[in-house]
């Protein structure tokens, strides 16, 4: 049953992403800022840092699956979120091996990974021809508000999920080692 916890949590977060802007105060939405919740990506960063071990890649697998589901449900082009999320979670997983998993590393990897994922999505959409927003406008109208709003989610989630993910990761390791 514990194997289903992570996919169920990711699914719930993905559904909440769809209504996230409705939960924000109206004063934030009336100006020209475009805030995109990347809550699934944030939770995948937590999985990569605190659940996965050096030789397990559950976070990358979940990034592929839930990136594709996000593409199917919320976007027009298939594979954009799947590719961006999987690639950057793989990078976060690799950097996690070099850094100790604490709140500062989580914030650093979360912000950098999120910014790079959003830029990758923007660049793919620009190449495909879906968007034609200038780079300067993109930075001020979308990227900065998106990173700041998702940083709030990252910080709010930290005390809730870190101990659970670490414990579940240890249990996963214990199940895979017959020693």
Protein backbone atom coordinates (compact mmCIF):
# COMPACT_ATOMS: atom_id res chain seq x y z
CA UNK A 1 0.00 0.00 0.00
CA UNK A 2 2.87 2.40 0.75
CA UNK A 3 3.99 2.10 -2.87
CA UNK A 4 0.88 4.00 -3.87
CA UNK A 5 1.45 6.96 -1.56
CA UNK A 6 3.79 8.88 -3.85
CA UNK A 7 1.71 8.51 -7.03
CA UNK A 8 -1.45 9.40 -5.12
CA UNK A 9 0.16 12.48 -3.57
CA UNK A 10 1.49 13.53 -6.97
CA UNK A 11 -1.94 13.05 -8.52
CA UNK A 12 -3.59 15.10 -5.79
CA UNK A 13 -1.00 17.87 -6.21
CA UNK A 14 -1.52 17.81 -9.98
CA UNK A 15 -5.26 18.25 -9.53
CA UNK A 16 -4.70 21.07 -7.03
CA UNK A 17 -2.41 22.79 -9.55
CA UNK A 18 -5.42 23.20 -11.80
CA UNK A 19 -7.37 25.15 -9.18
CA UNK A 20 -4.39 26.87 -7.55
CA UNK A 21 -5.02 30.24 -9.18
CA UNK A 22 -8.60 30.20 -7.93
CA UNK A 23 -7.24 29.95 -4.37
CA UNK A 24 -5.14 33.10 -4.72
CA UNK A 25 -6.48 36.53 -3.74
CA UNK A 26 -8.08 38.44 -6.59
CA UNK A 27 -5.66 41.36 -6.22
CA UNK A 28 -2.78 39.17 -7.41
CA UNK A 29 -4.65 38.07 -10.50
CA UNK A 30 -5.88 41.48 -11.69
CA UNK A 31 -2.45 42.76 -12.74
CA UNK A 32 -0.50 41.47 -15.74
CA UNK A 33 1.50 38.83 -13.84
CA UNK A 34 1.28 35.27 -15.08
CA UNK A 35 1.78 32.80 -12.23
CA UNK A 36 2.17 29.15 -13.19
CA UNK A 37 2.06 26.60 -10.36
CA UNK A 38 4.69 23.89 -10.77
CA UNK A 39 3.75 22.05 -7.60
CA UNK A 40 4.32 18.61 -9.11
CA UNK A 41 7.85 19.64 -10.00
CA UNK A 42 8.45 20.91 -6.46
CA UNK A 43 7.27 17.62 -4.98
CA UNK A 44 9.44 15.74 -7.49
CA UNK A 45 12.42 17.74 -6.23
CA UNK A 46 11.58 16.55 -2.71
CA UNK A 47 11.37 12.96 -3.94
CA UNK A 48 14.73 13.29 -5.73
CA UNK A 49 16.45 14.74 -2.67
CA UNK A 50 14.88 12.85 0.24
CA UNK A 51 13.34 9.64 -1.16
CA UNK A 52 15.66 8.50 -3.94
CA UNK A 53 19.00 6.98 -3.16
CA UNK A 54 22.06 7.18 -5.40
CA UNK A 55 20.99 4.25 -7.57
CA UNK A 56 17.22 4.69 -7.57
CA UNK A 57 15.46 6.98 -10.01
CA UNK A 58 11.85 6.97 -8.85
CA UNK A 59 11.71 10.76 -9.15
CA UNK A 60 12.72 10.64 -12.82
CA UNK A 61 10.15 7.93 -13.53
CA UNK A 62 7.42 9.96 -11.80
CA UNK A 63 8.58 13.07 -13.68
CA UNK A 64 8.12 11.25 -16.99
CA UNK A 65 4.69 9.90 -16.05
CA UNK A 66 3.24 13.01 -14.43
CA UNK A 67 4.85 15.33 -16.97
CA UNK A 68 3.02 13.40 -19.69
CA UNK A 69 -0.23 13.53 -17.71
CA UNK A 70 0.17 17.30 -17.27
CA UNK A 71 0.78 17.60 -21.02
CA UNK A 72 -2.36 15.60 -21.78
CA UNK A 73 -4.61 17.42 -19.33
CA UNK A 74 -3.38 21.03 -19.30
CA UNK A 75 -1.37 21.78 -22.46
CA UNK A 76 -1.67 21.69 -26.23
CA UNK A 77 1.66 20.07 -27.06
CA UNK A 78 2.54 16.59 -25.81
CA UNK A 79 5.96 15.98 -24.31
CA UNK A 80 6.93 19.50 -23.25
CA UNK A 81 6.41 19.07 -19.52
CA UNK A 82 7.42 15.41 -19.69
CA UNK A 83 10.77 16.24 -21.27
CA UNK A 84 11.45 19.34 -19.14
CA UNK A 85 10.48 17.79 -15.83
CA UNK A 86 12.31 14.50 -16.44
CA UNK A 87 15.51 16.16 -17.63
CA UNK A 88 15.68 18.64 -14.78
CA UNK A 89 14.71 16.14 -12.08
CA UNK A 90 17.53 13.95 -13.41
CA UNK A 91 19.88 16.93 -13.03
CA UNK A 92 18.58 17.61 -9.50
CA UNK A 93 19.06 13.92 -8.66
CA UNK A 94 22.66 14.12 -9.88
CA UNK A 95 23.38 17.32 -7.96
CA UNK A 96 21.88 15.79 -4.84
CA UNK A 97 24.76 13.33 -4.81
CA UNK A 98 27.18 16.25 -4.43
CA UNK A 99 25.24 18.20 -1.80
CA UNK A 100 23.81 17.28 1.57
CA UNK A 101 20.01 17.24 1.67
CA UNK A 102 18.89 20.10 3.91
CA UNK A 103 16.56 23.07 3.59
CA UNK A 104 19.14 25.32 1.92
CA UNK A 105 20.07 22.74 -0.71
CA UNK A 106 16.38 22.02 -1.24
CA UNK A 107 15.66 25.72 -1.79
CA UNK A 108 18.65 26.08 -4.11
CA UNK A 109 17.87 23.00 -6.20
CA UNK A 110 14.16 23.77 -6.16
CA UNK A 111 14.56 27.35 -7.39
CA UNK A 112 17.22 26.58 -9.99
CA UNK A 113 15.40 23.49 -11.24
CA UNK A 114 12.07 25.29 -11.37
CA UNK A 115 13.52 28.30 -13.20
CA UNK A 116 15.27 26.06 -15.72
CA UNK A 117 12.12 23.96 -16.22
CA UNK A 118 10.00 27.04 -16.85
CA UNK A 119 12.60 28.49 -19.23
CA UNK A 120 12.81 25.15 -21.08
CA UNK A 121 9.02 25.08 -21.42
CA UNK A 122 9.05 28.68 -22.67
CA UNK A 123 11.80 27.96 -25.21
CA UNK A 124 10.03 24.87 -26.53
CA UNK A 125 6.79 26.82 -26.88
CA UNK A 126 8.68 29.61 -28.65
CA UNK A 127 10.32 27.18 -31.09
CA UNK A 128 7.00 25.46 -31.80
CA UNK A 129 5.37 28.86 -32.34
CA UNK A 130 2.81 28.80 -29.55
CA UNK A 131 4.22 31.87 -27.81
CA UNK A 132 5.94 34.97 -29.11
CA UNK A 133 6.51 36.84 -25.85
CA UNK A 134 9.78 38.74 -25.75
CA UNK A 135 12.46 37.47 -23.38
CA UNK A 136 12.41 40.60 -21.20
CA UNK A 137 8.63 40.46 -20.81
CA UNK A 138 8.79 36.75 -20.06
CA UNK A 139 11.28 37.33 -17.26
CA UNK A 140 9.27 40.07 -15.58
CA UNK A 141 5.72 38.89 -16.23
CA UNK A 142 6.02 35.12 -15.92
CA UNK A 143 9.34 33.73 -14.66
CA UNK A 144 9.89 35.89 -11.58
CA UNK A 145 6.29 35.63 -10.26
CA UNK A 146 6.23 31.90 -11.00
CA UNK A 147 9.49 31.23 -9.15
CA UNK A 148 8.48 33.35 -6.16
CA UNK A 149 5.03 31.79 -5.83
CA UNK A 150 6.41 28.27 -6.14
CA UNK A 151 9.10 29.13 -3.59
CA UNK A 152 6.31 29.80 -1.11
CA UNK A 153 4.90 26.33 -1.86
CA UNK A 154 8.37 24.77 -1.52
CA UNK A 155 8.90 26.37 1.90
CA UNK A 156 5.40 25.50 3.11
CA UNK A 157 5.81 21.86 2.09
CA UNK A 158 9.26 21.33 3.64
CA UNK A 159 8.26 20.63 7.28
CA UNK A 160 5.36 18.46 6.17
CA UNK A 161 7.02 16.02 3.78
CA UNK A 162 10.74 15.73 4.54
CA UNK A 163 10.55 13.27 7.43
CA UNK A 164 7.94 11.12 5.68
CA UNK A 165 9.86 10.94 2.41
CA UNK A 166 13.09 10.12 4.22
CA UNK A 167 11.39 7.34 6.19
CA UNK A 168 9.69 5.95 3.08
CA UNK A 169 13.03 6.05 1.24
CA UNK A 170 14.68 4.05 4.02
CA UNK A 171 11.85 1.51 3.92
CA UNK A 172 12.25 1.24 0.15
CA UNK A 173 15.97 0.62 0.59
CA UNK A 174 15.31 -1.98 3.29
CA UNK A 175 12.85 -3.80 1.02
CA UNK A 176 15.30 -3.90 -1.87
CA UNK A 177 18.21 -5.25 0.23
CA UNK A 178 17.65 -8.83 1.44
CA UNK A 179 20.49 -8.50 4.00
